[in-house]
Amino acid sequence: MHDLSGREIVSDVSIAVKRGEVLAIIGESGSGKTSVALSLLGFARPGMRISSGKITIGGTD
């Protein structure tokens, strides 16, 4: 994930959650937790873009 200036904000994230499992995203302040969570929900903060990769839920991109 990059901001509008091209600065990398989040990289190398891989998450696999099976039905019935619970996921917790933890980390230091400013480490990208909210950006990752919003991306998983199909949202990106203003000025941010997903530059590569894909998000699939239930096998659907």
N, C-alpha and C. Protein backbone atom coordinates (compact mmCIF):
# COMPACT_ATOMS: atom_id res chain seq x y z
N MET A 1 0.85 -1.16 0.00
CA MET A 1 0.00 0.00 0.00
C MET A 1 0.90 1.23 0.00
N HIS A 2 0.54 2.22 -0.82
CA HIS A 2 1.33 3.44 -0.96
C HIS A 2 0.44 4.66 -0.75
N ASP A 3 1.05 5.77 -0.31
CA ASP A 3 0.32 7.02 -0.26
C ASP A 3 0.48 7.73 -1.60
N LEU A 4 -0.11 8.91 -1.74
CA LEU A 4 -0.08 9.61 -3.03
C LEU A 4 1.32 10.00 -3.47
N SER A 5 2.23 10.18 -2.52
CA SER A 5 3.61 10.54 -2.87
C SER A 5 4.41 9.33 -3.34
N GLY A 6 3.82 8.13 -3.21
CA GLY A 6 4.51 6.91 -3.61
C GLY A 6 5.24 6.22 -2.47
N ARG A 7 5.18 6.82 -1.28
CA ARG A 7 5.85 6.23 -0.11
C ARG A 7 5.13 4.95 0.30
N GLU A 8 5.89 3.88 0.49
CA GLU A 8 5.31 2.60 0.90
C GLU A 8 4.85 2.69 2.35
N ILE A 9 3.60 2.32 2.60
CA ILE A 9 3.02 2.41 3.94
C ILE A 9 2.94 1.04 4.58
N VAL A 10 2.49 0.05 3.82
CA VAL A 10 2.36 -1.33 4.31
C VAL A 10 2.88 -2.25 3.22
N SER A 11 3.63 -3.29 3.61
CA SER A 11 4.13 -4.24 2.61
C SER A 11 4.15 -5.65 3.17
N ASP A 12 4.16 -6.61 2.27
CA ASP A 12 4.33 -8.02 2.61
C ASP A 12 3.35 -8.52 3.67
N VAL A 13 2.05 -8.34 3.40
CA VAL A 13 1.03 -8.81 4.33
C VAL A 13 0.33 -10.01 3.71
N SER A 14 0.22 -11.08 4.46
CA SER A 14 -0.50 -12.27 4.02
C SER A 14 -1.32 -12.76 5.21
N ILE A 15 -2.63 -12.84 5.01
CA ILE A 15 -3.54 -13.25 6.08
C ILE A 15 -4.48 -14.32 5.54
N ALA A 16 -4.62 -15.40 6.28
CA ALA A 16 -5.58 -16.45 5.93
C ALA A 16 -6.41 -16.75 7.17
N VAL A 17 -7.71 -16.52 7.07
CA VAL A 17 -8.62 -16.75 8.19
C VAL A 17 -9.70 -17.71 7.73
N LYS A 18 -9.86 -18.79 8.45
CA LYS A 18 -10.88 -19.78 8.11
C LYS A 18 -12.21 -19.41 8.77
N ARG A 19 -13.28 -19.92 8.21
CA ARG A 19 -14.62 -19.68 8.75
C ARG A 19 -14.63 -20.05 10.24
N GLY A 20 -15.16 -19.15 11.05
CA GLY A 20 -15.27 -19.39 12.49
C GLY A 20 -14.07 -18.91 13.29
N GLU A 21 -12.96 -18.59 12.61
CA GLU A 21 -11.78 -18.09 13.31
C GLU A 21 -11.92 -16.59 13.56
N VAL A 22 -11.19 -16.11 14.54
CA VAL A 22 -11.16 -14.70 14.88
C VAL A 22 -9.77 -14.16 14.59
N LEU A 23 -9.69 -12.98 14.02
CA LEU A 23 -8.41 -12.37 13.68
C LEU A 23 -8.21 -11.11 14.51
N ALA A 24 -7.04 -10.97 15.09
CA ALA A 24 -6.66 -9.74 15.80
C ALA A 24 -5.44 -9.17 15.11
N ILE A 25 -5.49 -7.90 14.80
CA ILE A 25 -4.35 -7.21 14.19
C ILE A 25 -3.75 -6.32 15.27
N ILE A 26 -2.52 -6.63 15.67
CA ILE A 26 -1.88 -5.87 16.73
C ILE A 26 -0.55 -5.30 16.25
N GLY A 27 -0.12 -4.24 16.86
CA GLY A 27 1.16 -3.64 16.50
C GLY A 27 1.30 -2.27 17.11
N GLU A 28 2.46 -1.69 16.92
CA GLU A 28 2.75 -0.37 17.47
C GLU A 28 1.91 0.69 16.77
N SER A 29 1.78 1.83 17.42
CA SER A 29 1.08 2.97 16.85
C SER A 29 1.73 3.36 15.53
N GLY A 30 0.91 3.53 14.49
CA GLY A 30 1.43 3.93 13.19
C GLY A 30 1.99 2.81 12.34
N SER A 31 1.77 1.55 12.77
CA SER A 31 2.36 0.43 12.03
C SER A 31 1.50 -0.05 10.86
N GLY A 32 0.30 0.52 10.67
CA GLY A 32 -0.54 0.17 9.53
C GLY A 32 -1.72 -0.73 9.84
N LYS A 33 -2.04 -0.92 11.11
CA LYS A 33 -3.16 -1.81 11.49
C LYS A 33 -4.47 -1.37 10.86
N THR A 34 -4.79 -0.09 11.00
CA THR A 34 -6.05 0.41 10.47
C THR A 34 -6.06 0.35 8.95
N SER A 35 -4.95 0.67 8.32
CA SER A 35 -4.87 0.61 6.85
C SER A 35 -5.11 -0.81 6.35
N VAL A 36 -4.53 -1.79 7.02
CA VAL A 36 -4.74 -3.20 6.64
C VAL A 36 -6.19 -3.59 6.86
N ALA A 37 -6.76 -3.24 8.01
CA ALA A 37 -8.15 -3.60 8.31
C ALA A 37 -9.11 -2.97 7.30
N LEU A 38 -8.92 -1.70 6.98
CA LEU A 38 -9.79 -1.05 6.00
C LEU A 38 -9.64 -1.68 4.62
N SER A 39 -8.44 -2.07 4.25
CA SER A 39 -8.22 -2.73 2.97
C SER A 39 -8.95 -4.07 2.91
N LEU A 40 -8.92 -4.81 4.02
CA LEU A 40 -9.63 -6.09 4.07
C LEU A 40 -11.12 -5.90 3.86
N LEU A 41 -11.64 -4.76 4.30
CA LEU A 41 -13.06 -4.46 4.14
C LEU A 41 -13.39 -3.83 2.79
N GLY A 42 -12.36 -3.59 1.98
CA GLY A 42 -12.58 -3.01 0.66
C GLY A 42 -12.51 -1.50 0.63
N PHE A 43 -12.01 -0.90 1.68
CA PHE A 43 -11.89 0.55 1.76
C PHE A 43 -10.41 0.93 1.85
N ALA A 44 -10.09 2.09 1.37
CA ALA A 44 -8.74 2.64 1.55
C ALA A 44 -8.91 4.08 2.02
N ARG A 45 -8.06 4.50 2.91
CA ARG A 45 -8.12 5.88 3.39
C ARG A 45 -7.85 6.82 2.23
N PRO A 46 -8.40 8.04 2.28
CA PRO A 46 -8.11 9.02 1.23
C PRO A 46 -6.61 9.21 1.06
N GLY A 47 -6.16 9.17 -0.17
CA GLY A 47 -4.75 9.36 -0.47
C GLY A 47 -3.94 8.08 -0.45
N MET A 48 -4.55 6.95 -0.17
CA MET A 48 -3.83 5.69 -0.15
C MET A 48 -4.34 4.80 -1.28
N ARG A 49 -3.44 3.96 -1.77
CA ARG A 49 -3.85 3.03 -2.83
C ARG A 49 -3.14 1.70 -2.64
N ILE A 50 -3.82 0.64 -3.01
CA ILE A 50 -3.21 -0.69 -3.00
C ILE A 50 -2.50 -0.83 -4.33
N SER A 51 -1.19 -0.97 -4.29
CA SER A 51 -0.40 -0.92 -5.52
C SER A 51 -0.16 -2.29 -6.15
N SER A 52 -0.32 -3.36 -5.38
CA SER A 52 -0.15 -4.68 -5.96
C SER A 52 -0.80 -5.71 -5.05
N GLY A 53 -0.96 -6.90 -5.58
CA GLY A 53 -1.57 -7.97 -4.79
C GLY A 53 -3.07 -8.03 -4.97
N LYS A 54 -3.70 -8.85 -4.16
CA LYS A 54 -5.14 -8.99 -4.25
C LYS A 54 -5.71 -9.37 -2.90
N ILE A 55 -6.98 -9.12 -2.75
CA ILE A 55 -7.71 -9.50 -1.55
C ILE A 55 -8.84 -10.42 -2.00
N THR A 56 -8.88 -11.63 -1.47
CA THR A 56 -9.96 -12.55 -1.80
C THR A 56 -10.69 -12.94 -0.52
N ILE A 57 -11.99 -13.00 -0.63
CA ILE A 57 -12.83 -13.43 0.49
C ILE A 57 -13.74 -14.51 -0.05
N GLY A 58 -13.65 -15.70 0.53
CA GLY A 58 -14.44 -16.83 0.06
C GLY A 58 -14.10 -17.21 -1.37
N GLY A 59 -12.84 -16.98 -1.77
CA GLY A 59 -12.41 -17.30 -3.13
C GLY A 59 -12.75 -16.25 -4.16
N THR A 60 -13.43 -15.18 -3.75
CA THR A 60 -13.81 -14.10 -4.66
C THR A 60 -12.87 -12.93 -4.48
N ASP A 61 -12.35 -12.42 -5.59
CA ASP A 61 -11.42 -11.29 -5.56
C ASP A 61 -12.18 -10.00 -5.33
